[in-house]
C-alpha atoms as a PDB file:
ATOM      1  CA  MET A   1       2.571  23.256 -11.777  1.00  0.00           C
ATOM      2  CA  ASN A   2       6.341  23.018 -11.527  1.00  0.00           C
ATOM      3  CA  GLY A   3       8.460  21.513 -14.295  1.00  0.00           C
ATOM      4  CA  PRO A   4       7.629  20.820 -17.931  1.00  0.00           C
ATOM      5  CA  ARG A   5       3.972  21.086 -18.815  1.00  0.00           C
ATOM      6  CA  TRP A   6       3.948  17.603 -20.324  1.00  0.00           C
ATOM      7  CA  LEU A   7       5.093  15.913 -17.147  1.00  0.00           C
ATOM      8  CA  ILE A   8       2.460  13.580 -15.708  1.00  0.00           C
ATOM      9  CA  ARG A   9       2.595  12.826 -12.014  1.00  0.00           C
ATOM     10  CA  SER A  10       0.142  11.117  -9.674  1.00  0.00           C
ATOM     11  CA  ALA A  11      -0.648  13.444  -6.792  1.00  0.00           C
ATOM     12  CA  LEU A  12      -3.184  14.272  -4.080  1.00  0.00           C
ATOM     13  CA  CYS A  13      -5.370  16.780  -5.906  1.00  0.00           C
ATOM     14  CA  PRO A  14      -7.345  19.591  -4.212  1.00  0.00           C
ATOM     15  CA  VAL A  15     -10.555  17.548  -4.209  1.00  0.00           C
ATOM     16  CA  LEU A  16      -8.713  14.928  -2.172  1.00  0.00           C
ATOM     17  CA  CYS A  17      -9.409  12.173  -4.676  1.00  0.00           C
ATOM     18  CA  ALA A  18      -6.474  10.104  -5.942  1.00  0.00           C
ATOM     19  CA  CYS A  19      -5.652   6.669  -7.271  1.00  0.00           C
ATOM     20  CA  ALA A  20      -4.480   4.112  -4.738  1.00  0.00           C
ATOM     21  CA  LEU A  21      -0.972   2.801  -5.126  1.00  0.00           C
ATOM     22  CA  VAL A  22      -0.467  -0.184  -2.899  1.00  0.00           C
ATOM     23  CA  GLY A  23       2.095  -2.878  -2.371  1.00  0.00           C
ATOM     24  CA  PRO A  24       2.669  -6.483  -3.301  1.00  0.00           C
ATOM     25  CA  ALA A  25      -0.669  -8.258  -3.070  1.00  0.00           C
ATOM     26  CA  PHE A  26      -1.988  -5.144  -1.354  1.00  0.00           C
ATOM     27  CA  GLY A  27      -4.214  -3.741  -4.108  1.00  0.00           C
ATOM     28  CA  ALA A  28      -7.705  -4.303  -5.351  1.00  0.00           C
ATOM     29  CA  GLU A  29      -8.410  -7.496  -7.187  1.00  0.00           C
ATOM     30  CA  ALA A  30      -7.900  -7.325 -10.940  1.00  0.00           C
ATOM     31  CA  PRO A  31     -11.101  -7.446 -13.034  1.00  0.00           C
ATOM     32  CA  PRO A  32     -11.942 -10.833 -14.498  1.00  0.00           C
ATOM     33  CA  SER A  33     -10.652 -11.507 -17.970  1.00  0.00           C
ATOM     34  CA  ASP A  34     -13.075 -11.254 -20.874  1.00  0.00           C
ATOM     35  CA  SER A  35     -11.385 -14.097 -22.701  1.00  0.00           C
ATOM     36  CA  PRO A  36     -13.103 -17.512 -22.578  1.00  0.00           C
ATOM     37  CA  PRO A  37     -11.614 -20.203 -20.348  1.00  0.00           C
ATOM     38  CA  GLN A  38      -9.241 -22.625 -22.034  1.00  0.00           C
ATOM     39  CA  ALA A  39     -10.053 -26.299 -22.188  1.00  0.00           C
ATOM     40  CA  VAL A  40      -7.891 -28.503 -19.980  1.00  0.00           C
ATOM     41  CA  GLU A  41      -6.564 -31.750 -21.383  1.00  0.00           C
ATOM     42  CA  GLN A  42      -7.183 -34.436 -18.768  1.00  0.00           C
ATOM     43  CA  ASP A  43      -5.628 -37.459 -20.523  1.00  0.00           C
ATOM     44  CA  ALA A  44      -1.997 -36.345 -20.881  1.00  0.00           C
ATOM     45  CA  PRO A  45      -0.017 -34.673 -18.092  1.00  0.00           C
ATOM     46  CA  ASP A  46       1.865 -31.484 -18.884  1.00  0.00           C
ATOM     47  CA  GLN A  47       5.448 -32.585 -19.509  1.00  0.00           C
ATOM     48  CA  ASP A  48       6.728 -29.034 -19.100  1.00  0.00           C
ATOM     49  CA  ALA A  49       5.193 -28.486 -15.671  1.00  0.00           C
ATOM     50  CA  PRO A  50       7.827 -27.647 -13.046  1.00  0.00           C
ATOM     51  CA  ASP A  51       8.499 -30.135 -10.281  1.00  0.00           C
ATOM     52  CA  ASP A  52       8.832 -27.459  -7.611  1.00  0.00           C
ATOM     53  CA  PRO A  53       5.666 -26.156  -5.945  1.00  0.00           C
ATOM     54  CA  PRO A  54       4.794 -22.516  -6.726  1.00  0.00           C
ATOM     55  CA  ILE A  55       4.972 -21.621  -3.010  1.00  0.00           C
ATOM     56  CA  ASP A  56       8.344 -22.435  -1.445  1.00  0.00           C
ATOM     57  CA  GLY A  57       7.945 -23.612   2.151  1.00  0.00           C
ATOM     58  CA  GLU A  58      10.992 -21.814   3.530  1.00  0.00           C
ATOM     59  CA  ALA A  59      10.004 -18.550   1.883  1.00  0.00           C
ATOM     60  CA  MET A  60       6.420 -18.860   3.132  1.00  0.00           C
ATOM     61  CA  THR A  61       7.649 -19.403   6.687  1.00  0.00           C
ATOM     62  CA  VAL A  62       9.681 -16.186   6.520  1.00  0.00           C
ATOM     63  CA  LEU A  63       6.832 -14.191   4.988  1.00  0.00           C
ATOM     64  CA  THR A  64       4.303 -15.550   7.498  1.00  0.00           C
ATOM     65  CA  ARG A  65       6.538 -14.602  10.428  1.00  0.00           C
ATOM     66  CA  MET A  66       6.718 -11.063   9.089  1.00  0.00           C
ATOM     67  CA  ALA A  67       2.969 -10.882   8.500  1.00  0.00           C
ATOM     68  CA  ASP A  68       2.174 -12.226  11.971  1.00  0.00           C
ATOM     69  CA  THR A  69       4.582  -9.759  13.586  1.00  0.00           C
ATOM     70  CA  LEU A  70       2.952  -6.765  11.914  1.00  0.00           C
ATOM     71  CA  ALA A  71      -0.607  -8.025  12.351  1.00  0.00           C
ATOM     72  CA  GLN A  72      -0.158  -8.704  16.068  1.00  0.00           C
ATOM     73  CA  ALA A  73       1.726  -5.489  16.874  1.00  0.00           C
ATOM     74  CA  GLN A  74      -0.445  -3.199  18.974  1.00  0.00           C
ATOM     75  CA  ARG A  75       1.502  -0.174  17.826  1.00  0.00           C
ATOM     76  CA  PHE A  76       4.474   0.726  15.685  1.00  0.00           C
ATOM     77  CA  THR A  77       6.216   3.576  13.912  1.00  0.00           C
ATOM     78  CA  VAL A  78       8.279   3.351  10.729  1.00  0.00           C
ATOM     79  CA  THR A  79       9.775   5.623   8.095  1.00  0.00           C
ATOM     80  CA  ILE A  80       9.330   4.644   4.437  1.00  0.00           C
ATOM     81  CA  ARG A  81      11.542   6.187   1.767  1.00  0.00           C
ATOM     82  CA  ALA A  82      10.169   5.251  -1.636  1.00  0.00           C
ATOM     83  CA  SER A  83      10.427   5.919  -5.366  1.00  0.00           C
ATOM     84  CA  TYR A  84       7.964   5.109  -8.102  1.00  0.00           C
ATOM     85  CA  ASP A  85       7.774   5.243 -11.889  1.00  0.00           C
ATOM     86  CA  VAL A  86       5.170   7.228 -13.766  1.00  0.00           C
ATOM     87  CA  VAL A  87       4.831   6.332 -17.451  1.00  0.00           C
ATOM     88  CA  GLN A  88       4.464   9.413 -19.648  1.00  0.00           C
ATOM     89  CA  ASP A  89       2.340   9.707 -22.777  1.00  0.00           C
ATOM     90  CA  THR A  90       5.550   9.251 -24.770  1.00  0.00           C
ATOM     91  CA  GLY A  91       6.231   5.905 -23.062  1.00  0.00           C
ATOM     92  CA  GLU A  92       9.131   7.369 -21.096  1.00  0.00           C
ATOM     93  CA  LYS A  93       9.273   6.488 -17.397  1.00  0.00           C
ATOM     94  CA  ILE A  94       9.963   9.249 -14.872  1.00  0.00           C
ATOM     95  CA  THR A  95      10.926   8.320 -11.307  1.00  0.00           C
ATOM     96  CA  PHE A  96       9.558  10.364  -8.406  1.00  0.00           C
ATOM     97  CA  GLY A  97      10.302  10.030  -4.700  1.00  0.00           C
ATOM     98  CA  GLU A  98       8.478  10.311  -1.414  1.00  0.00           C
ATOM     99  CA  ARG A  99       9.022   9.934   2.300  1.00  0.00           C
ATOM    100  CA  ARG A 100       6.352   8.713   4.702  1.00  0.00           C
ATOM    101  CA  ALA A 101       6.333   8.618   8.481  1.00  0.00           C
ATOM    102  CA  VAL A 102       3.750   6.095   9.725  1.00  0.00           C
ATOM    103  CA  THR A 103       2.374   5.853  13.254  1.00  0.00           C
ATOM    104  CA  LEU A 104      -0.087   3.050  14.019  1.00  0.00           C
ATOM    105  CA  ASN A 105      -1.826   2.542  17.367  1.00  0.00           C
ATOM    106  CA  ARG A 106      -4.390  -0.262  17.421  1.00  0.00           C
ATOM    107  CA  PRO A 107      -7.247  -0.578  17.540  1.00  0.00           C
ATOM    108  CA  ASP A 108      -8.178   2.873  16.264  1.00  0.00           C
ATOM    109  CA  GLY A 109      -5.241   5.207  15.661  1.00  0.00           C
ATOM    110  CA  LEU A 110      -3.294   5.972  12.475  1.00  0.00           C
ATOM    111  CA  ARG A 111      -1.179   8.881  11.228  1.00  0.00           C
ATOM    112  CA  VAL A 112       0.673   9.008   7.899  1.00  0.00           C
ATOM    113  CA  GLU A 113       2.755  12.093   7.126  1.00  0.00           C
ATOM    114  CA  ALA A 114       4.031  12.290   3.551  1.00  0.00           C
ATOM    115  CA  GLN A 115       6.404  14.507   1.614  1.00  0.00           C
ATOM    116  CA  GLU A 116       6.893  14.214  -2.138  1.00  0.00           C
ATOM    117  CA  SER A 117      10.213  14.770  -3.888  1.00  0.00           C
ATOM    118  CA  ASP A 118       9.017  18.176  -5.120  1.00  0.00           C
ATOM    119  CA  GLY A 119       8.261  19.260  -1.551  1.00  0.00           C
ATOM    120  CA  ARG A 120       4.512  18.738  -1.509  1.00  0.00           C
ATOM    121  CA  ARG A 121       3.233  17.575   1.872  1.00  0.00           C
ATOM    122  CA  SER A 122       0.112  15.730   2.961  1.00  0.00           C
ATOM    123  CA  LEU A 123      -1.286  14.104   6.066  1.00  0.00           C
ATOM    124  CA  VAL A 124      -3.772  11.317   6.729  1.00  0.00           C
ATOM    125  CA  THR A 125      -5.068  10.716  10.261  1.00  0.00           C
ATOM    126  CA  PHE A 126      -7.617   8.440  11.894  1.00  0.00           C
ATOM    127  CA  ASP A 127      -8.567   8.660  15.571  1.00  0.00           C
ATOM    128  CA  GLY A 128     -11.316   6.044  15.758  1.00  0.00           C
ATOM    129  CA  LYS A 129     -14.002   8.625  15.070  1.00  0.00           C
ATOM    130  CA  ALA A 130     -13.042  10.453  11.882  1.00  0.00           C
ATOM    131  CA  ILE A 131     -10.720  10.215   8.886  1.00  0.00           C
ATOM    132  CA  SER A 132      -8.933  13.420   7.906  1.00  0.00           C
ATOM    133  CA  VAL A 133      -6.875  14.068   4.758  1.00  0.00           C
ATOM    134  CA  PHE A 134      -4.869  17.317   4.684  1.00  0.00           C
ATOM    135  CA  ASN A 135      -3.057  18.901   1.726  1.00  0.00           C
ATOM    136  CA  ALA A 136      -0.528  21.250   3.333  1.00  0.00           C
ATOM    137  CA  ASP A 137       0.440  23.084   0.153  1.00  0.00           C
ATOM    138  CA  GLU A 138      -3.130  24.003  -0.712  1.00  0.00           C
ATOM    139  CA  ASN A 139      -4.014  24.354   3.007  1.00  0.00           C
ATOM    140  CA  VAL A 140      -7.185  22.365   2.432  1.00  0.00           C
ATOM    141  CA  TYR A 141      -8.528  19.284   4.158  1.00  0.00           C
ATOM    142  CA  GLY A 142     -11.320  16.803   3.923  1.00  0.00           C
ATOM    143  CA  GLN A 143     -12.835  15.080   6.917  1.00  0.00           C
ATOM    144  CA  ILE A 144     -15.437  12.378   7.223  1.00  0.00           C
ATOM    145  CA  GLU A 145     -16.899  10.841  10.345  1.00  0.00           C
ATOM    146  CA  ARG A 146     -16.075   7.148  10.313  1.00  0.00           C
ATOM    147  CA  ALA A 147     -16.010   5.207  13.576  1.00  0.00           C
ATOM    148  CA  GLY A 148     -14.212   1.876  13.656  1.00  0.00           C
ATOM    149  CA  THR A 149     -10.785   0.271  13.681  1.00  0.00           C
ATOM    150  CA  VAL A 150      -7.607   0.928  11.720  1.00  0.00           C
ATOM    151  CA  ASP A 151      -8.561  -1.996   9.460  1.00  0.00           C
ATOM    152  CA  ASP A 152     -11.885  -0.307   8.674  1.00  0.00           C
ATOM    153  CA  ALA A 153     -10.243   3.052   8.058  1.00  0.00           C
ATOM    154  CA  VAL A 154      -7.532   1.711   5.730  1.00  0.00           C
ATOM    155  CA  ARG A 155     -10.027  -0.128   3.547  1.00  0.00           C
ATOM    156  CA  TYR A 156     -12.312   2.894   3.419  1.00  0.00           C
ATOM    157  CA  LEU A 157      -9.433   5.222   2.505  1.00  0.00           C
ATOM    158  CA  VAL A 158      -8.223   3.030  -0.352  1.00  0.00           C
ATOM    159  CA  GLN A 159     -11.453   1.574  -1.702  1.00  0.00           C
ATOM    160  CA  ASP A 160     -13.935   4.412  -1.209  1.00  0.00           C
ATOM    161  CA  LEU A 161     -11.977   7.639  -0.831  1.00  0.00           C
ATOM    162  CA  ARG A 162      -9.276   6.385  -3.248  1.00  0.00           C
ATOM    163  CA  VAL A 163      -6.559   8.049  -1.214  1.00  0.00           C
ATOM    164  CA  ARG A 164      -3.062   7.001  -2.275  1.00  0.00           C
ATOM    165  CA  LEU A 165      -1.750   4.891   0.616  1.00  0.00           C
ATOM    166  CA  PRO A 166       1.252   2.790  -0.457  1.00  0.00           C
ATOM    167  CA  LEU A 167       1.664  -0.677   1.105  1.00  0.00           C
ATOM    168  CA  ALA A 168      -1.713  -0.279   2.755  1.00  0.00           C
ATOM    169  CA  LEU A 169      -2.151  -3.917   3.816  1.00  0.00           C
ATOM    170  CA  LEU A 170       0.958  -3.749   5.992  1.00  0.00           C
ATOM    171  CA  LEU A 171      -1.271  -1.704   8.303  1.00  0.00           C
ATOM    172  CA  VAL A 172      -4.148  -4.171   8.740  1.00  0.00           C
ATOM    173  CA  SER A 173      -4.468  -7.070  11.155  1.00  0.00           C
ATOM    174  CA  THR A 174      -5.691  -9.400   8.397  1.00  0.00           C
ATOM    175  CA  LEU A 175      -2.327  -9.285   6.594  1.00  0.00           C
ATOM    176  CA  PRO A 176      -1.497 -13.023   7.022  1.00  0.00           C
ATOM    177  CA  ASP A 177      -4.835 -14.102   5.525  1.00  0.00           C
ATOM    178  CA  GLU A 178      -4.588 -11.558   2.707  1.00  0.00           C
ATOM    179  CA  LEU A 179      -1.138 -12.789   1.706  1.00  0.00           C
ATOM    180  CA  GLU A 180      -2.141 -16.437   1.792  1.00  0.00           C
ATOM    181  CA  ARG A 181      -5.193 -15.729  -0.339  1.00  0.00           C
ATOM    182  CA  ARG A 182      -3.454 -13.604  -2.975  1.00  0.00           C
ATOM    183  CA  LEU A 183      -0.053 -15.218  -3.420  1.00  0.00           C
ATOM    184  CA  GLN A 184       0.391 -17.275  -6.578  1.00  0.00           C
ATOM    185  CA  THR A 185       4.140 -17.933  -6.392  1.00  0.00           C
ATOM    186  CA  LEU A 186       6.807 -17.361  -3.750  1.00  0.00           C
ATOM    187  CA  ASP A 187      10.460 -18.366  -3.673  1.00  0.00           C
ATOM    188  CA  TYR A 188      13.528 -17.855  -1.520  1.00  0.00           C
ATOM    189  CA  VAL A 189      16.367 -16.012  -3.289  1.00  0.00           C
ATOM    190  CA  GLU A 190      19.176 -15.632  -0.760  1.00  0.00           C
ATOM    191  CA  ARG A 191      20.302 -14.329   2.590  1.00  0.00           C
ATOM    192  CA  ASP A 192      21.405 -10.796   1.751  1.00  0.00           C
ATOM    193  CA  THR A 193      24.282  -9.556   3.943  1.00  0.00           C
ATOM    194  CA  LEU A 194      24.662  -6.196   2.187  1.00  0.00           C
ATOM    195  CA  THR A 195      21.463  -4.664   3.580  1.00  0.00           C
ATOM    196  CA  ASP A 196      21.606  -2.573   6.771  1.00  0.00           C
ATOM    197  CA  VAL A 197      20.745  -5.736   8.693  1.00  0.00           C
ATOM    198  CA  PRO A 198      21.007  -9.284   7.243  1.00  0.00           C
ATOM    199  CA  THR A 199      17.787 -10.066   5.384  1.00  0.00           C
ATOM    200  CA  ASP A 200      15.959 -12.952   3.745  1.00  0.00           C
ATOM    201  CA  HIS A 201      15.334 -11.991   0.131  1.00  0.00           C
ATOM    202  CA  LEU A 202      12.067 -13.371  -1.283  1.00  0.00           C
ATOM    203  CA  VAL A 203      10.461 -13.082  -4.718  1.00  0.00           C
ATOM    204  CA  GLY A 204       6.833 -13.722  -5.586  1.00  0.00           C
ATOM    205  CA  GLN A 205       3.820 -12.997  -7.739  1.00  0.00           C
ATOM    206  CA  THR A 206       0.158 -12.205  -7.316  1.00  0.00           C
ATOM    207  CA  GLU A 207      -2.438 -11.872 -10.039  1.00  0.00           C
ATOM    208  CA  ASP A 208      -1.511  -8.202 -10.488  1.00  0.00           C
ATOM    209  CA  VAL A 209       2.166  -7.725  -9.615  1.00  0.00           C
ATOM    210  CA  ASP A 210       5.608  -9.235  -9.328  1.00  0.00           C
ATOM    211  CA  PHE A 211       7.346  -8.342  -6.081  1.00  0.00           C
ATOM    212  CA  GLN A 212      10.531  -8.761  -4.103  1.00  0.00           C
ATOM    213  CA  ILE A 213      10.794  -8.265  -0.364  1.00  0.00           C
ATOM    214  CA  TRP A 214      13.742  -8.240   2.024  1.00  0.00           C
ATOM    215  CA  ILE A 215      12.863  -9.262   5.607  1.00  0.00           C
ATOM    216  CA  ALA A 216      15.211  -8.931   8.573  1.00  0.00           C
ATOM    217  CA  SER A 217      16.628 -12.349   9.448  1.00  0.00           C
ATOM    218  CA  GLU A 218      17.934 -11.178  12.838  1.00  0.00           C
ATOM    219  CA  GLY A 219      15.689  -9.633  15.466  1.00  0.00           C
ATOM    220  CA  PRO A 220      12.029  -8.943  14.674  1.00  0.00           C
ATOM    221  CA  PRO A 221      11.204 -10.173  11.131  1.00  0.00           C
ATOM    222  CA  LEU A 222      10.290  -6.751   9.750  1.00  0.00           C
ATOM    223  CA  PRO A 223      10.372  -5.680   6.096  1.00  0.00           C
ATOM    224  CA  GLN A 224      13.463  -3.687   5.153  1.00  0.00           C
ATOM    225  CA  ARG A 225      12.892  -3.245   1.418  1.00  0.00           C
ATOM    226  CA  VAL A 226      10.164  -3.897  -1.157  1.00  0.00           C
ATOM    227  CA  THR A 227      10.199  -3.738  -4.944  1.00  0.00           C
ATOM    228  CA  ILE A 228       6.987  -4.072  -6.932  1.00  0.00           C
ATOM    229  CA  THR A 229       6.598  -4.390 -10.700  1.00  0.00           C
ATOM    230  CA  TYR A 230       3.160  -3.772 -12.179  1.00  0.00           C
ATOM    231  CA  GLN A 231       3.362  -6.220 -15.078  1.00  0.00           C
ATOM    232  CA  GLY A 232      -0.142  -5.528 -16.309  1.00  0.00           C
ATOM    233  CA  ASP A 233       0.361  -1.773 -16.618  1.00  0.00           C
ATOM    234  CA  GLU A 234       1.782  -0.083 -19.679  1.00  0.00           C
ATOM    235  CA  GLY A 235       5.542   0.266 -19.379  1.00  0.00           C
ATOM    236  CA  GLU A 236       5.647  -2.095 -16.373  1.00  0.00           C
ATOM    237  CA  PRO A 237       6.309   0.666 -13.808  1.00  0.00           C
ATOM    238  CA  GLN A 238       7.973  -0.119 -10.493  1.00  0.00           C
ATOM    239  CA  TYR A 239       7.499   0.971  -6.893  1.00  0.00           C
ATOM    240  CA  ARG A 240      10.488   0.690  -4.539  1.00  0.00           C
ATOM    241  CA  ALA A 241      10.495   1.281  -0.783  1.00  0.00           C
ATOM    242  CA  ASP A 242      13.099   1.161   1.989  1.00  0.00           C
ATOM    243  CA  PHE A 243      11.971   0.903   5.614  1.00  0.00           C
ATOM    244  CA  SER A 244      13.900   2.386   8.542  1.00  0.00           C
ATOM    245  CA  ASP A 245      13.488   3.406  12.186  1.00  0.00           C
ATOM    246  CA  TRP A 246      11.133   0.552  13.041  1.00  0.00           C
ATOM    247  CA  ASN A 247       9.766   0.800  16.602  1.00  0.00           C
ATOM    248  CA  LEU A 248       7.295  -1.834  17.795  1.00  0.00           C
ATOM    249  CA  ASN A 249       6.717  -0.176  21.159  1.00  0.00           C
ATOM    250  CA  PRO A 250       6.585   3.589  20.672  1.00  0.00           C
ATOM    251  CA  ASP A 251       5.033   5.958  23.186  1.00  0.00           C
ATOM    252  CA  VAL A 252       1.927   7.024  21.261  1.00  0.00           C
ATOM    253  CA  GLN A 253      -0.637   9.296  22.852  1.00  0.00           C
ATOM    254  CA  PRO A 254      -4.173   9.544  21.403  1.00  0.00           C
ATOM    255  CA  ALA A 255      -3.763  13.311  21.080  1.00  0.00           C
ATOM    256  CA  GLN A 256      -0.967  12.732  18.557  1.00  0.00           C
ATOM    257  CA  LEU A 257      -3.418  11.020  16.203  1.00  0.00           C
ATOM    258  CA  ALA A 258      -6.172  13.634  16.348  1.00  0.00           C
ATOM    259  CA  PHE A 259      -6.353  16.113  13.492  1.00  0.00           C
ATOM    260  CA  HIS A 260      -6.447  19.820  14.267  1.00  0.00           C
ATOM    261  CA  PRO A 261      -6.788  21.988  11.143  1.00  0.00           C
ATOM    262  CA  PRO A 262      -4.117  24.680  10.877  1.00  0.00           C
ATOM    263  CA  GLU A 263      -5.231  28.282  11.039  1.00  0.00           C
ATOM    264  CA  GLY A 264      -6.840  29.333   7.810  1.00  0.00           C
ATOM    265  CA  ALA A 265      -7.237  25.808   6.441  1.00  0.00           C
ATOM    266  CA  GLU A 266     -10.292  25.357   4.232  1.00  0.00           C
ATOM    267  CA  ARG A 267     -12.500  22.317   4.542  1.00  0.00           C
ATOM    268  CA  ILE A 268     -13.556  20.940   1.153  1.00  0.00           C
ATOM    269  CA  PRO A 269     -15.724  18.018   0.000  1.00  0.00           C
ATOM    270  CA  VAL A 270     -14.307  14.523  -0.108  1.00  0.00           C
ATOM    271  CA  MET A 271     -15.166  12.539  -3.201  1.00  0.00           C
ATOM    272  CA  ILE A 272     -16.442   9.063  -2.359  1.00  0.00           C
ATOM    273  CA  ARG A 273     -16.457   6.268  -4.917  1.00  0.00           C
ATOM    274  CA  VAL A 274     -19.997   5.495  -6.021  1.00  0.00           C
ATOM    275  CA  ARG A 275     -21.009   1.853  -5.834  1.00  0.00           C
ATOM    276  CA  ARG A 276     -23.997   0.214  -7.483  1.00  0.00           C
ATOM    277  CA  THR A 277     -26.192  -1.919  -5.291  1.00  0.00           C
ATOM    278  CA  ALA A 278     -27.991  -5.066  -6.387  1.00  0.00           C
ATOM    279  CA  THR A 279     -31.117  -2.985  -6.986  1.00  0.00           C
ATOM    280  CA  GLY A 280     -29.242  -0.575  -9.245  1.00  0.00           C
ATOM    281  CA  SER A 281     -29.273   2.361  -6.823  1.00  0.00           C
ATOM    282  CA  SER A 282     -26.095   4.311  -6.040  1.00  0.00           C
ATOM    283  CA  GLU A 283     -24.232   4.439  -2.746  1.00  0.00           C
ATOM    284  CA  GLY A 284     -21.707   7.132  -1.981  1.00  0.00           C
ATOM    285  CA  ALA A 285     -21.581  10.868  -2.579  1.00  0.00           C
ATOM    286  CA  PRO A 286     -19.442  13.921  -1.820  1.00  0.00           C
ATOM    287  CA  LYS A 287     -19.155  14.534   1.921  1.00  0.00           C
END
């Protein structure tokens, strides 16, 4: 391991099992609180309640246009340059970086190439028949047969394989419904003219995170920047991403999305999250 021995960093480990880091409203639901519900006073209205609705109409229109554009796109490519905080045992926050090149080809093609700031490289592919996760530095890969759509593959990667796939819900066709279901507040901040293209700057909250998003206000309404704050996590770490090189009509051939193991690559088991059924039996095992 490079660097100080005490440094803690989330990474794709050799068993291809990692925590999922996803975007605003793009993660798993938070567990229910153990605290009892509070009684609601029905006789007297709350004098401190704000007059403005928690979901601003103008902001929701902008966000919905973005969500519809991504959900309806049959294919796209984009480069994501991101940084994220990792809280150390001492409470100190260390910022790491990554670069991801995403190729999506609906209904059943996905390729995500990633490089971490320390040079580590990984690859996730889906060709409609199998999901492959490759760790280039260890020259190992895991592969599991899984027929279906990109939507199916993304959910399986994040929820069952626990592969780290930032901003995962930007890849699924159900994005508009997911946002509408998870948003608790949303407001319009400003029209930002200092970004690479003029953008509409929005701020919002879900049950799990606070987020800001900058959406192009000219041309296709595509995300240009995202900032996420994990308020419920110790140290309130942030994830920040800048999007570039958007292409909504790339020339994508199916062969580009198929995984071919490099010479000498070792296939290793993929750890699948075990779920308990209603009868108490377990589902899921190493593949």
